[in-house]
Amino acid sequence: MGKSDTTVAQMRKGVLELCTLAAISTGEVYASDILTMLKDAELLVVEGTLYPILTRLKNDGYLTYRWIESSSGPPRKYYSITKDGQDLLQELKDGWGNLVGSVNKLMGQINESETNVKEEEQK
């Protein structure tokens, strides 16, 4: 794994809390449902990564859960978002939007500068 792969992995880790809350905000969900949503979004997440996030969010009051009997095995833990979790999700979404906007603005300025330099070199 190269340096860029490591950096990309760290960036993905940084947004997993936002994405986990977003997935749970769709309604009461089972952990495997969350994993499926994250994987469908190409956020490659394994259970060992998700469960500590769920535990931390629950302990901080952003999630709640209840056990539901399963016809095909043991009871399952279904998560739902709390009012505080909805507030946090909005804050994280706003922060993410601001960050993406700032990065895109910078990248646009850099691309424009590179284009101007290339045009000057061609003259």
PDB file of N, CA and C in Angstrom:
ATOM      1  N   MET A   1       0.851  -1.182   0.000  1.00  0.00           N
ATOM      2  CA  MET A   1       0.000   0.000   0.000  1.00  0.00           C
ATOM      3  C   MET A   1       0.888   1.235   0.000  1.00  0.00           C
ATOM      4  N   GLY A   2       0.658   2.129  -0.956  1.00  0.00           N
ATOM      5  CA  GLY A   2       1.448   3.349  -1.062  1.00  0.00           C
ATOM      6  C   GLY A   2       0.959   4.422  -0.116  1.00  0.00           C
ATOM      7  N   LYS A   3       1.697   5.519  -0.090  1.00  0.00           N
ATOM      8  CA  LYS A   3       1.355   6.652   0.774  1.00  0.00           C
ATOM      9  C   LYS A   3      -0.050   7.178   0.473  1.00  0.00           C
ATOM     10  N   SER A   4      -0.406   7.286  -0.818  1.00  0.00           N
ATOM     11  CA  SER A   4      -1.729   7.810  -1.149  1.00  0.00           C
ATOM     12  C   SER A   4      -2.825   6.870  -0.679  1.00  0.00           C
ATOM     13  N   ASP A   5      -2.574   5.553  -0.732  1.00  0.00           N
ATOM     14  CA  ASP A   5      -3.565   4.594  -0.241  1.00  0.00           C
ATOM     15  C   ASP A   5      -3.800   4.785   1.249  1.00  0.00           C
ATOM     16  N   THR A   6      -2.742   5.017   1.990  1.00  0.00           N
ATOM     17  CA  THR A   6      -2.848   5.233   3.434  1.00  0.00           C
ATOM     18  C   THR A   6      -3.627   6.512   3.729  1.00  0.00           C
ATOM     19  N   THR A   7      -3.328   7.559   2.995  1.00  0.00           N
ATOM     20  CA  THR A   7      -4.015   8.837   3.199  1.00  0.00           C
ATOM     21  C   THR A   7      -5.497   8.713   2.875  1.00  0.00           C
ATOM     22  N   VAL A   8      -5.825   8.040   1.782  1.00  0.00           N
ATOM     23  CA  VAL A   8      -7.228   7.837   1.410  1.00  0.00           C
ATOM     24  C   VAL A   8      -7.937   7.026   2.486  1.00  0.00           C
ATOM     25  N   ALA A   9      -7.281   5.999   3.008  1.00  0.00           N
ATOM     26  CA  ALA A   9      -7.880   5.186   4.076  1.00  0.00           C
ATOM     27  C   ALA A   9      -8.157   6.039   5.310  1.00  0.00           C
ATOM     28  N   GLN A  10      -7.249   6.937   5.649  1.00  0.00           N
ATOM     29  CA  GLN A  10      -7.454   7.811   6.809  1.00  0.00           C
ATOM     30  C   GLN A  10      -8.609   8.781   6.572  1.00  0.00           C
ATOM     31  N   MET A  11      -8.724   9.290   5.356  1.00  0.00           N
ATOM     32  CA  MET A  11      -9.841  10.198   5.058  1.00  0.00           C
ATOM     33  C   MET A  11     -11.166   9.451   5.186  1.00  0.00           C
ATOM     34  N   ARG A  12     -11.214   8.221   4.688  1.00  0.00           N
ATOM     35  CA  ARG A  12     -12.446   7.431   4.792  1.00  0.00           C
ATOM     36  C   ARG A  12     -12.806   7.180   6.243  1.00  0.00           C
ATOM     37  N   LYS A  13     -11.809   6.852   7.060  1.00  0.00           N
ATOM     38  CA  LYS A  13     -12.074   6.622   8.482  1.00  0.00           C
ATOM     39  C   LYS A  13     -12.688   7.864   9.122  1.00  0.00           C
ATOM     40  N   GLY A  14     -12.215   9.018   8.705  1.00  0.00           N
ATOM     41  CA  GLY A  14     -12.672  10.269   9.287  1.00  0.00           C
ATOM     42  C   GLY A  14     -14.132  10.575   9.028  1.00  0.00           C
ATOM     43  N   VAL A  15     -14.711  10.004   7.977  1.00  0.00           N
ATOM     44  CA  VAL A  15     -16.108  10.294   7.662  1.00  0.00           C
ATOM     45  C   VAL A  15     -17.039   9.140   8.034  1.00  0.00           C
ATOM     46  N   LEU A  16     -16.507   8.058   8.585  1.00  0.00           N
ATOM     47  CA  LEU A  16     -17.360   6.911   8.911  1.00  0.00           C
ATOM     48  C   LEU A  16     -18.418   7.240   9.958  1.00  0.00           C
ATOM     49  N   GLU A  17     -18.095   8.086  10.909  1.00  0.00           N
ATOM     50  CA  GLU A  17     -19.085   8.459  11.922  1.00  0.00           C
ATOM     51  C   GLU A  17     -20.260   9.177  11.267  1.00  0.00           C
ATOM     52  N   LEU A  18     -19.951  10.111  10.376  1.00  0.00           N
ATOM     53  CA  LEU A  18     -20.997  10.814   9.624  1.00  0.00           C
ATOM     54  C   LEU A  18     -21.834   9.820   8.827  1.00  0.00           C
ATOM     55  N   CYS A  19     -21.188   8.934   8.113  1.00  0.00           N
ATOM     56  CA  CYS A  19     -21.910   7.986   7.261  1.00  0.00           C
ATOM     57  C   CYS A  19     -22.711   6.980   8.082  1.00  0.00           C
ATOM     58  N   THR A  20     -22.181   6.582   9.225  1.00  0.00           N
ATOM     59  CA  THR A  20     -22.900   5.652  10.097  1.00  0.00           C
ATOM     60  C   THR A  20     -24.166   6.310  10.633  1.00  0.00           C
ATOM     61  N   LEU A  21     -24.044   7.541  11.113  1.00  0.00           N
ATOM     62  CA  LEU A  21     -25.225   8.271  11.584  1.00  0.00           C
ATOM     63  C   LEU A  21     -26.231   8.467  10.456  1.00  0.00           C
ATOM     64  N   ALA A  22     -25.740   8.787   9.267  1.00  0.00           N
ATOM     65  CA  ALA A  22     -26.637   8.990   8.123  1.00  0.00           C
ATOM     66  C   ALA A  22     -27.394   7.708   7.810  1.00  0.00           C
ATOM     67  N   ALA A  23     -26.702   6.576   7.846  1.00  0.00           N
ATOM     68  CA  ALA A  23     -27.347   5.289   7.565  1.00  0.00           C
ATOM     69  C   ALA A  23     -28.426   4.996   8.601  1.00  0.00           C
ATOM     70  N   ILE A  24     -28.136   5.273   9.851  1.00  0.00           N
ATOM     71  CA  ILE A  24     -29.095   4.989  10.923  1.00  0.00           C
ATOM     72  C   ILE A  24     -30.261   5.980  10.892  1.00  0.00           C
ATOM     73  N   SER A  25     -30.031   7.162  10.350  1.00  0.00           N
ATOM     74  CA  SER A  25     -31.099   8.164  10.313  1.00  0.00           C
ATOM     75  C   SER A  25     -32.226   7.761   9.366  1.00  0.00           C
ATOM     76  N   THR A  26     -32.004   6.727   8.549  1.00  0.00           N
ATOM     77  CA  THR A  26     -33.043   6.271   7.619  1.00  0.00           C
ATOM     78  C   THR A  26     -34.134   5.481   8.331  1.00  0.00           C
ATOM     79  N   GLY A  27     -33.873   5.090   9.567  1.00  0.00           N
ATOM     80  CA  GLY A  27     -34.834   4.305  10.340  1.00  0.00           C
ATOM     81  C   GLY A  27     -34.111   3.273  11.172  1.00  0.00           C
ATOM     82  N   GLU A  28     -34.846   2.503  11.910  1.00  0.00           N
ATOM     83  CA  GLU A  28     -34.257   1.488  12.773  1.00  0.00           C
ATOM     84  C   GLU A  28     -33.541   0.440  11.911  1.00  0.00           C
ATOM     85  N   VAL A  29     -32.250   0.228  12.174  1.00  0.00           N
ATOM     86  CA  VAL A  29     -31.462  -0.666  11.329  1.00  0.00           C
ATOM     87  C   VAL A  29     -30.605  -1.613  12.158  1.00  0.00           C
ATOM     88  N   TYR A  30     -30.363  -2.753  11.576  1.00  0.00           N
ATOM     89  CA  TYR A  30     -29.499  -3.790  12.125  1.00  0.00           C
ATOM     90  C   TYR A  30     -28.075  -3.508  11.631  1.00  0.00           C
ATOM     91  N   ALA A  31     -27.080  -3.918  12.382  1.00  0.00           N
ATOM     92  CA  ALA A  31     -25.688  -3.625  12.021  1.00  0.00           C
ATOM     93  C   ALA A  31     -25.349  -4.088  10.608  1.00  0.00           C
ATOM     94  N   SER A  32     -25.849  -5.243  10.202  1.00  0.00           N
ATOM     95  CA  SER A  32     -25.529  -5.711   8.849  1.00  0.00           C
ATOM     96  C   SER A  32     -26.168  -4.818   7.787  1.00  0.00           C
ATOM     97  N   ASP A  33     -27.303  -4.178   8.115  1.00  0.00           N
ATOM     98  CA  ASP A  33     -27.914  -3.213   7.191  1.00  0.00           C
ATOM     99  C   ASP A  33     -26.990  -2.005   7.009  1.00  0.00           C
ATOM    100  N   ILE A  34     -26.409  -1.542   8.106  1.00  0.00           N
ATOM    101  CA  ILE A  34     -25.489  -0.405   8.062  1.00  0.00           C
ATOM    102  C   ILE A  34     -24.270  -0.772   7.220  1.00  0.00           C
ATOM    103  N   LEU A  35     -23.713  -1.952   7.472  1.00  0.00           N
ATOM    104  CA  LEU A  35     -22.560  -2.410   6.696  1.00  0.00           C
ATOM    105  C   LEU A  35     -22.880  -2.465   5.209  1.00  0.00           C
ATOM    106  N   THR A  36     -24.061  -2.952   4.871  1.00  0.00           N
ATOM    107  CA  THR A  36     -24.468  -3.028   3.466  1.00  0.00           C
ATOM    108  C   THR A  36     -24.550  -1.633   2.852  1.00  0.00           C
ATOM    109  N   MET A  37     -25.154  -0.680   3.572  1.00  0.00           N
ATOM    110  CA  MET A  37     -25.264   0.683   3.057  1.00  0.00           C
ATOM    111  C   MET A  37     -23.885   1.303   2.839  1.00  0.00           C
ATOM    112  N   LEU A  38     -22.991   1.095   3.803  1.00  0.00           N
ATOM    113  CA  LEU A  38     -21.644   1.653   3.686  1.00  0.00           C
ATOM    114  C   LEU A  38     -20.883   1.002   2.534  1.00  0.00           C
ATOM    115  N   LYS A  39     -21.017  -0.313   2.401  1.00  0.00           N
ATOM    116  CA  LYS A  39     -20.338  -1.009   1.306  1.00  0.00           C
ATOM    117  C   LYS A  39     -20.918  -0.606  -0.037  1.00  0.00           C
ATOM    118  N   ASP A  40     -22.234  -0.411  -0.119  1.00  0.00           N
ATOM    119  CA  ASP A  40     -22.862   0.042  -1.360  1.00  0.00           C
ATOM    120  C   ASP A  40     -22.339   1.418  -1.769  1.00  0.00           C
ATOM    121  N   ALA A  41     -21.965   2.224  -0.785  1.00  0.00           N
ATOM    122  CA  ALA A  41     -21.407   3.548  -1.049  1.00  0.00           C
ATOM    123  C   ALA A  41     -19.894   3.478  -1.282  1.00  0.00           C
ATOM    124  N   GLU A  42     -19.374   2.257  -1.360  1.00  0.00           N
ATOM    125  CA  GLU A  42     -17.949   1.991  -1.585  1.00  0.00           C
ATOM    126  C   GLU A  42     -17.070   2.451  -0.435  1.00  0.00           C
ATOM    127  N   LEU A  43     -17.648   2.491   0.757  1.00  0.00           N
ATOM    128  CA  LEU A  43     -16.872   2.695   1.969  1.00  0.00           C
ATOM    129  C   LEU A  43     -16.631   1.303   2.538  1.00  0.00           C
ATOM    130  N   LEU A  44     -15.499   0.745   2.223  1.00  0.00           N
ATOM    131  CA  LEU A  44     -15.214  -0.631   2.599  1.00  0.00           C
ATOM    132  C   LEU A  44     -15.000  -0.718   4.102  1.00  0.00           C
ATOM    133  N   VAL A  45     -16.001  -1.219   4.776  1.00  0.00           N
ATOM    134  CA  VAL A  45     -16.010  -1.265   6.237  1.00  0.00           C
ATOM    135  C   VAL A  45     -16.250  -2.705   6.672  1.00  0.00           C
ATOM    136  N   VAL A  46     -15.533  -3.108   7.707  1.00  0.00           N
ATOM    137  CA  VAL A  46     -15.751  -4.428   8.284  1.00  0.00           C
ATOM    138  C   VAL A  46     -16.389  -4.267   9.655  1.00  0.00           C
ATOM    139  N   GLU A  47     -16.960  -5.352  10.162  1.00  0.00           N
ATOM    140  CA  GLU A  47     -17.640  -5.293  11.458  1.00  0.00           C
ATOM    141  C   GLU A  47     -16.725  -4.752  12.551  1.00  0.00           C
ATOM    142  N   GLY A  48     -15.458  -5.143  12.501  1.00  0.00           N
ATOM    143  CA  GLY A  48     -14.502  -4.708  13.526  1.00  0.00           C
ATOM    144  C   GLY A  48     -14.287  -3.211  13.537  1.00  0.00           C
ATOM    145  N   THR A  49     -14.606  -2.536  12.445  1.00  0.00           N
ATOM    146  CA  THR A  49     -14.529  -1.080  12.376  1.00  0.00           C
ATOM    147  C   THR A  49     -15.849  -0.453  12.816  1.00  0.00           C
ATOM    148  N   LEU A  50     -16.954  -1.059  12.417  1.00  0.00           N
ATOM    149  CA  LEU A  50     -18.276  -0.484  12.687  1.00  0.00           C
ATOM    150  C   LEU A  50     -18.664  -0.552  14.159  1.00  0.00           C
ATOM    151  N   TYR A  51     -18.462  -1.698  14.800  1.00  0.00           N
ATOM    152  CA  TYR A  51     -18.966  -1.859  16.168  1.00  0.00           C
ATOM    153  C   TYR A  51     -18.382  -0.866  17.171  1.00  0.00           C
ATOM    154  N   PRO A  52     -17.094  -0.544  17.117  1.00  0.00           N
ATOM    155  CA  PRO A  52     -16.603   0.498  18.041  1.00  0.00           C
ATOM    156  C   PRO A  52     -17.254   1.859  17.797  1.00  0.00           C
ATOM    157  N   ILE A  53     -17.541   2.182  16.533  1.00  0.00           N
ATOM    158  CA  ILE A  53     -18.225   3.443  16.221  1.00  0.00           C
ATOM    159  C   ILE A  53     -19.630   3.431  16.820  1.00  0.00           C
ATOM    160  N   LEU A  54     -20.355   2.327  16.625  1.00  0.00           N
ATOM    161  CA  LEU A  54     -21.705   2.211  17.176  1.00  0.00           C
ATOM    162  C   LEU A  54     -21.686   2.321  18.703  1.00  0.00           C
ATOM    163  N   THR A  55     -20.739   1.658  19.328  1.00  0.00           N
ATOM    164  CA  THR A  55     -20.641   1.698  20.794  1.00  0.00           C
ATOM    165  C   THR A  55     -20.357   3.110  21.279  1.00  0.00           C
ATOM    166  N   ARG A  56     -19.418   3.791  20.624  1.00  0.00           N
ATOM    167  CA  ARG A  56     -19.081   5.161  21.030  1.00  0.00           C
ATOM    168  C   ARG A  56     -20.286   6.089  20.844  1.00  0.00           C
ATOM    169  N   LEU A  57     -20.965   5.987  19.705  1.00  0.00           N
ATOM    170  CA  LEU A  57     -22.130   6.836  19.460  1.00  0.00           C
ATOM    171  C   LEU A  57     -23.257   6.555  20.450  1.00  0.00           C
ATOM    172  N   LYS A  58     -23.445   5.285  20.803  1.00  0.00           N
ATOM    173  CA  LYS A  58     -24.466   4.928  21.787  1.00  0.00           C
ATOM    174  C   LYS A  58     -24.090   5.478  23.158  1.00  0.00           C
ATOM    175  N   ASN A  59     -22.830   5.287  23.556  1.00  0.00           N
ATOM    176  CA  ASN A  59     -22.387   5.753  24.870  1.00  0.00           C
ATOM    177  C   ASN A  59     -22.464   7.271  24.994  1.00  0.00           C
ATOM    178  N   ASP A  60     -22.323   7.970  23.868  1.00  0.00           N
ATOM    179  CA  ASP A  60     -22.395   9.431  23.877  1.00  0.00           C
ATOM    180  C   ASP A  60     -23.825   9.953  23.742  1.00  0.00           C
ATOM    181  N   GLY A  61     -24.788   9.038  23.642  1.00  0.00           N
ATOM    182  CA  GLY A  61     -26.198   9.431  23.600  1.00  0.00           C
ATOM    183  C   GLY A  61     -26.734   9.763  22.224  1.00  0.00           C
ATOM    184  N   TYR A  62     -25.983   9.428  21.179  1.00  0.00           N
ATOM    185  CA  TYR A  62     -26.421   9.749  19.821  1.00  0.00           C
ATOM    186  C   TYR A  62     -27.246   8.632  19.182  1.00  0.00           C
ATOM    187  N   LEU A  63     -27.152   7.445  19.740  1.00  0.00           N
ATOM    188  CA  LEU A  63     -27.896   6.290  19.249  1.00  0.00           C
ATOM    189  C   LEU A  63     -28.561   5.588  20.413  1.00  0.00           C
ATOM    190  N   THR A  64     -29.585   4.855  20.088  1.00  0.00           N
ATOM    191  CA  THR A  64     -30.196   3.940  21.031  1.00  0.00           C
ATOM    192  C   THR A  64     -30.403   2.634  20.286  1.00  0.00           C
ATOM    193  N   TYR A  65     -30.698   1.591  21.018  1.00  0.00           N
ATOM    194  CA  TYR A  65     -30.957   0.321  20.343  1.00  0.00           C
ATOM    195  C   TYR A  65     -31.992  -0.460  21.124  1.00  0.00           C
ATOM    196  N   ARG A  66     -32.554  -1.445  20.455  1.00  0.00           N
ATOM    197  CA  ARG A  66     -33.439  -2.387  21.137  1.00  0.00           C
ATOM    198  C   ARG A  66     -33.221  -3.759  20.515  1.00  0.00           C
ATOM    199  N   TRP A  67     -33.460  -4.755  21.325  1.00  0.00           N
ATOM    200  CA  TRP A  67     -33.312  -6.132  20.883  1.00  0.00           C
ATOM    201  C   TRP A  67     -34.626  -6.590  20.269  1.00  0.00           C
ATOM    202  N   ILE A  68     -34.543  -7.235  19.117  1.00  0.00           N
ATOM    203  CA  ILE A  68     -35.735  -7.761  18.447  1.00  0.00           C
ATOM    204  C   ILE A  68     -35.497  -9.243  18.187  1.00  0.00           C
ATOM    205  N   GLU A  69     -36.469 -10.050  18.577  1.00  0.00           N
ATOM    206  CA  GLU A  69     -36.366 -11.492  18.356  1.00  0.00           C
ATOM    207  C   GLU A  69     -36.248 -11.796  16.873  1.00  0.00           C
ATOM    208  N   SER A  70     -35.460 -12.805  16.565  1.00  0.00           N
ATOM    209  CA  SER A  70     -35.272 -13.213  15.173  1.00  0.00           C
ATOM    210  C   SER A  70     -35.813 -14.628  14.997  1.00  0.00           C
ATOM    211  N   SER A  71     -36.461 -14.867  13.873  1.00  0.00           N
ATOM    212  CA  SER A  71     -36.983 -16.209  13.602  1.00  0.00           C
ATOM    213  C   SER A  71     -35.875 -17.154  13.155  1.00  0.00           C
ATOM    214  N   SER A  72     -34.708 -16.588  12.823  1.00  0.00           N
ATOM    215  CA  SER A  72     -33.623 -17.425  12.302  1.00  0.00           C
ATOM    216  C   SER A  72     -32.385 -17.422  13.190  1.00  0.00           C
ATOM    217  N   GLY A  73     -32.555 -17.215  14.483  1.00  0.00           N
ATOM    218  CA  GLY A  73     -31.398 -17.218  15.368  1.00  0.00           C
ATOM    219  C   GLY A  73     -31.629 -16.368  16.594  1.00  0.00           C
ATOM    220  N   PRO A  74     -30.532 -15.913  17.185  1.00  0.00           N
ATOM    221  CA  PRO A  74     -30.645 -15.110  18.416  1.00  0.00           C
ATOM    222  C   PRO A  74     -31.254 -13.738  18.140  1.00  0.00           C
ATOM    223  N   PRO A  75     -31.681 -13.045  19.201  1.00  0.00           N
ATOM    224  CA  PRO A  75     -32.225 -11.692  19.033  1.00  0.00           C
ATOM    225  C   PRO A  75     -31.188 -10.778  18.374  1.00  0.00           C
ATOM    226  N   ARG A  76     -31.682  -9.783  17.665  1.00  0.00           N
ATOM    227  CA  ARG A  76     -30.800  -8.850  16.973  1.00  0.00           C
ATOM    228  C   ARG A  76     -30.941  -7.457  17.575  1.00  0.00           C
ATOM    229  N   LYS A  77     -29.813  -6.744  17.583  1.00  0.00           N
ATOM    230  CA  LYS A  77     -29.788  -5.382  18.106  1.00  0.00           C
ATOM    231  C   LYS A  77     -30.049  -4.417  16.945  1.00  0.00           C
ATOM    232  N   TYR A  78     -31.146  -3.655  17.046  1.00  0.00           N
ATOM    233  CA  TYR A  78     -31.497  -2.668  16.028  1.00  0.00           C
ATOM    234  C   TYR A  78     -31.247  -1.273  16.581  1.00  0.00           C
ATOM    235  N   TYR A  79     -30.532  -0.472  15.796  1.00  0.00           N
ATOM    236  CA  TYR A  79     -30.136   0.872  16.208  1.00  0.00           C
ATOM    237  C   TYR A  79     -31.069   1.925  15.628  1.00  0.00           C
ATOM    238  N   SER A  80     -31.247   2.995  16.396  1.00  0.00           N
ATOM    239  CA  SER A  80     -31.962   4.167  15.890  1.00  0.00           C
ATOM    240  C   SER A  80     -31.262   5.407  16.432  1.00  0.00           C
ATOM    241  N   ILE A  81     -31.480   6.504  15.744  1.00  0.00           N
ATOM    242  CA  ILE A  81     -30.805   7.757  16.088  1.00  0.00           C
ATOM    243  C   ILE A  81     -31.650   8.530  17.106  1.00  0.00           C
ATOM    244  N   THR A  82     -31.001   9.187  18.032  1.00  0.00           N
ATOM    245  CA  THR A  82     -31.695  10.015  19.027  1.00  0.00           C
ATOM    246  C   THR A  82     -31.779  11.455  18.506  1.00  0.00           C
ATOM    247  N   LYS A  83     -32.468  12.307  19.249  1.00  0.00           N
ATOM    248  CA  LYS A  83     -32.550  13.722  18.895  1.00  0.00           C
ATOM    249  C   LYS A  83     -31.144  14.330  18.892  1.00  0.00           C
ATOM    250  N   ASP A  84     -30.344  14.008  19.903  1.00  0.00           N
ATOM    251  CA  ASP A  84     -28.960  14.506  19.933  1.00  0.00           C
ATOM    252  C   ASP A  84     -28.173  13.974  18.740  1.00  0.00           C
ATOM    253  N   GLY A  85     -28.438  12.743  18.348  1.00  0.00           N
ATOM    254  CA  GLY A  85     -27.779  12.163  17.183  1.00  0.00           C
ATOM    255  C   GLY A  85     -28.166  12.878  15.902  1.00  0.00           C
ATOM    256  N   GLN A  86     -29.442  13.257  15.794  1.00  0.00           N
ATOM    257  CA  GLN A  86     -29.894  14.015  14.617  1.00  0.00           C
ATOM    258  C   GLN A  86     -29.200  15.380  14.564  1.00  0.00           C
ATOM    259  N   ASP A  87     -29.056  16.009  15.735  1.00  0.00           N
ATOM    260  CA  ASP A  87     -28.363  17.296  15.798  1.00  0.00           C
ATOM    261  C   ASP A  87     -26.894  17.142  15.390  1.00  0.00           C
ATOM    262  N   LEU A  88     -26.247  16.091  15.913  1.00  0.00           N
ATOM    263  CA  LEU A  88     -24.852  15.837  15.559  1.00  0.00           C
ATOM    264  C   LEU A  88     -24.732  15.556  14.067  1.00  0.00           C
ATOM    265  N   LEU A  89     -25.633  14.752  13.525  1.00  0.00           N
ATOM    266  CA  LEU A  89     -25.606  14.436  12.099  1.00  0.00           C
ATOM    267  C   LEU A  89     -25.687  15.718  11.276  1.00  0.00           C
ATOM    268  N   GLN A  90     -26.567  16.626  11.647  1.00  0.00           N
ATOM    269  CA  GLN A  90     -26.680  17.891  10.905  1.00  0.00           C
ATOM    270  C   GLN A  90     -25.388  18.688  10.993  1.00  0.00           C
ATOM    271  N   GLU A  91     -24.796  18.745  12.178  1.00  0.00           N
ATOM    272  CA  GLU A  91     -23.526  19.466  12.348  1.00  0.00           C
ATOM    273  C   GLU A  91     -22.429  18.841  11.491  1.00  0.00           C
ATOM    274  N   LEU A  92     -22.363  17.517  11.487  1.00  0.00           N
ATOM    275  CA  LEU A  92     -21.346  16.824  10.694  1.00  0.00           C
ATOM    276  C   LEU A  92     -21.583  17.017   9.201  1.00  0.00           C
ATOM    277  N   LYS A  93     -22.850  16.973   8.776  1.00  0.00           N
ATOM    278  CA  LYS A  93     -23.162  17.205   7.363  1.00  0.00           C
ATOM    279  C   LYS A  93     -22.762  18.619   6.947  1.00  0.00           C
ATOM    280  N   ASP A  94     -23.070  19.594   7.798  1.00  0.00           N
ATOM    281  CA  ASP A  94     -22.683  20.974   7.505  1.00  0.00           C
ATOM    282  C   ASP A  94     -21.165  21.100   7.429  1.00  0.00           C
ATOM    283  N   GLY A  95     -20.484  20.508   8.404  1.00  0.00           N
ATOM    284  CA  GLY A  95     -19.023  20.549   8.414  1.00  0.00           C
ATOM    285  C   GLY A  95     -18.430  19.880   7.184  1.00  0.00           C
ATOM    286  N   TRP A  96     -18.995  18.736   6.795  1.00  0.00           N
ATOM    287  CA  TRP A  96     -18.525  18.021   5.610  1.00  0.00           C
ATOM    288  C   TRP A  96     -18.746  18.873   4.362  1.00  0.00           C
ATOM    289  N   GLY A  97     -19.918  19.484   4.254  1.00  0.00           N
ATOM    290  CA  GLY A  97     -20.205  20.334   3.102  1.00  0.00           C
ATOM    291  C   GLY A  97     -19.233  21.497   2.999  1.00  0.00           C
ATOM    292  N   ASN A  98     -18.927  22.119   4.131  1.00  0.00           N
ATOM    293  CA  ASN A  98     -17.972  23.231   4.147  1.00  0.00           C
ATOM    294  C   ASN A  98     -16.578  22.755   3.740  1.00  0.00           C
ATOM    295  N   LEU A  99     -16.175  21.613   4.266  1.00  0.00           N
ATOM    296  CA  LEU A  99     -14.850  21.071   3.957  1.00  0.00           C
ATOM    297  C   LEU A  99     -14.733  20.729   2.477  1.00  0.00           C
ATOM    298  N   VAL A 100     -15.730  20.043   1.944  1.00  0.00           N
ATOM    299  CA  VAL A 100     -15.715  19.675   0.522  1.00  0.00           C
ATOM    300  C   VAL A 100     -15.690  20.939  -0.345  1.00  0.00           C
ATOM    301  N   GLY A 101     -16.488  21.932   0.018  1.00  0.00           N
ATOM    302  CA  GLY A 101     -16.504  23.187  -0.732  1.00  0.00           C
ATOM    303  C   GLY A 101     -15.145  23.867  -0.725  1.00  0.00           C
ATOM    304  N   SER A 102     -14.503  23.895   0.436  1.00  0.00           N
ATOM    305  CA  SER A 102     -13.189  24.527   0.543  1.00  0.00           C
ATOM    306  C   SER A 102     -12.141  23.782  -0.274  1.00  0.00           C
ATOM    307  N   VAL A 103     -12.149  22.461  -0.185  1.00  0.00           N
ATOM    308  CA  VAL A 103     -11.184  21.656  -0.938  1.00  0.00           C
ATOM    309  C   VAL A 103     -11.422  21.827  -2.433  1.00  0.00           C
ATOM    310  N   ASN A 104     -12.679  21.782  -2.865  1.00  0.00           N
ATOM    311  CA  ASN A 104     -12.988  21.961  -4.286  1.00  0.00           C
ATOM    312  C   ASN A 104     -12.570  23.348  -4.780  1.00  0.00           C
ATOM    313  N   LYS A 105     -12.760  24.352  -3.940  1.00  0.00           N
ATOM    314  CA  LYS A 105     -12.350  25.710  -4.306  1.00  0.00           C
ATOM    315  C   LYS A 105     -10.839  25.766  -4.502  1.00  0.00           C
ATOM    316  N   LEU A 106     -10.110  25.196  -3.569  1.00  0.00           N
ATOM    317  CA  LEU A 106      -8.647  25.185  -3.666  1.00  0.00           C
ATOM    318  C   LEU A 106      -8.195  24.414  -4.898  1.00  0.00           C
ATOM    319  N   MET A 107      -8.787  23.247  -5.123  1.00  0.00           N
ATOM    320  CA  MET A 107      -8.411  22.441  -6.288  1.00  0.00           C
ATOM    321  C   MET A 107      -8.715  23.191  -7.580  1.00  0.00           C
ATOM    322  N   GLY A 108      -9.821  23.921  -7.621  1.00  0.00           N
ATOM    323  CA  GLY A 108     -10.161  24.726  -8.791  1.00  0.00           C
ATOM    324  C   GLY A 108      -9.133  25.822  -9.034  1.00  0.00           C
ATOM    325  N   GLN A 109      -8.686  26.469  -7.953  1.00  0.00           N
ATOM    326  CA  GLN A 109      -7.674  27.520  -8.081  1.00  0.00           C
ATOM    327  C   GLN A 109      -6.352  26.936  -8.584  1.00  0.00           C
ATOM    328  N   ILE A 110      -5.999  25.770  -8.060  1.00  0.00           N
ATOM    329  CA  ILE A 110      -4.753  25.131  -8.484  1.00  0.00           C
ATOM    330  C   ILE A 110      -4.839  24.721  -9.951  1.00  0.00           C
ATOM    331  N   ASN A 111      -5.969  24.138 -10.345  1.00  0.00           N
ATOM    332  CA  ASN A 111      -6.149  23.734 -11.741  1.00  0.00           C
ATOM    333  C   ASN A 111      -6.091  24.944 -12.674  1.00  0.00           C
ATOM    334  N   GLU A 112      -6.716  26.035 -12.259  1.00  0.00           N
ATOM    335  CA  GLU A 112      -6.703  27.252 -13.068  1.00  0.00           C
ATOM    336  C   GLU A 112      -5.286  27.793 -13.195  1.00  0.00           C
ATOM    337  N   SER A 113      -4.543  27.782 -12.100  1.00  0.00           N
ATOM    338  CA  SER A 113      -3.166  28.253 -12.106  1.00  0.00           C
ATOM    339  C   SER A 113      -2.298  27.387 -13.015  1.00  0.00           C
ATOM    340  N   GLU A 114      -2.479  26.073 -12.939  1.00  0.00           N
ATOM    341  CA  GLU A 114      -1.712  25.159 -13.796  1.00  0.00           C
ATOM    342  C   GLU A 114      -2.031  25.397 -15.266  1.00  0.00           C
ATOM    343  N   THR A 115      -3.297  25.637 -15.573  1.00  0.00           N
ATOM    344  CA  THR A 115      -3.704  25.905 -16.956  1.00  0.00           C
ATOM    345  C   THR A 115      -3.056  27.183 -17.450  1.00  0.00           C
ATOM    346  N   ASN A 116      -3.035  28.228 -16.623  1.00  0.00           N
ATOM    347  CA  ASN A 116      -2.414  29.497 -17.003  1.00  0.00           C
ATOM    348  C   ASN A 116      -0.920  29.329 -17.252  1.00  0.00           C
ATOM    349  N   VAL A 117      -0.240  28.566 -16.422  1.00  0.00           N
ATOM    350  CA  VAL A 117       1.195  28.317 -16.584  1.00  0.00           C
ATOM    351  C   VAL A 117       1.445  27.576 -17.884  1.00  0.00           C
ATOM    352  N   LYS A 118       0.656  26.550 -18.198  1.00  0.00           N
ATOM    353  CA  LYS A 118       0.824  25.795 -19.433  1.00  0.00           C
ATOM    354  C   LYS A 118       0.589  26.679 -20.647  1.00  0.00           C
ATOM    355  N   GLU A 119      -0.413  27.543 -20.575  1.00  0.00           N
ATOM    356  CA  GLU A 119      -0.689  28.447 -21.690  1.00  0.00           C
ATOM    357  C   GLU A 119       0.474  29.411 -21.896  1.00  0.00           C
ATOM    358  N   GLU A 120       1.068  29.904 -20.820  1.00  0.00           N
ATOM    359  CA  GLU A 120       2.215  30.807 -20.918  1.00  0.00           C
ATOM    360  C   GLU A 120       3.418  30.078 -21.518  1.00  0.00           C
ATOM    361  N   GLU A 121       3.604  28.812 -21.135  1.00  0.00           N
ATOM    362  CA  GLU A 121       4.733  28.045 -21.659  1.00  0.00           C
ATOM    363  C   GLU A 121       4.607  27.791 -23.147  1.00  0.00           C
ATOM    364  N   GLN A 122       3.374  27.691 -23.630  1.00  0.00           N
ATOM    365  CA  GLN A 122       3.142  27.390 -25.040  1.00  0.00           C
ATOM    366  C   GLN A 122       3.314  28.623 -25.933  1.00  0.00           C
ATOM    367  N   LYS A 123       3.358  29.795 -25.369  1.00  0.00           N
ATOM    368  CA  LYS A 123       3.488  31.034 -26.158  1.00  0.00           C
ATOM    369  C   LYS A 123       4.898  31.245 -26.642  1.00  0.00           C
TER     370      LYS A 123
END
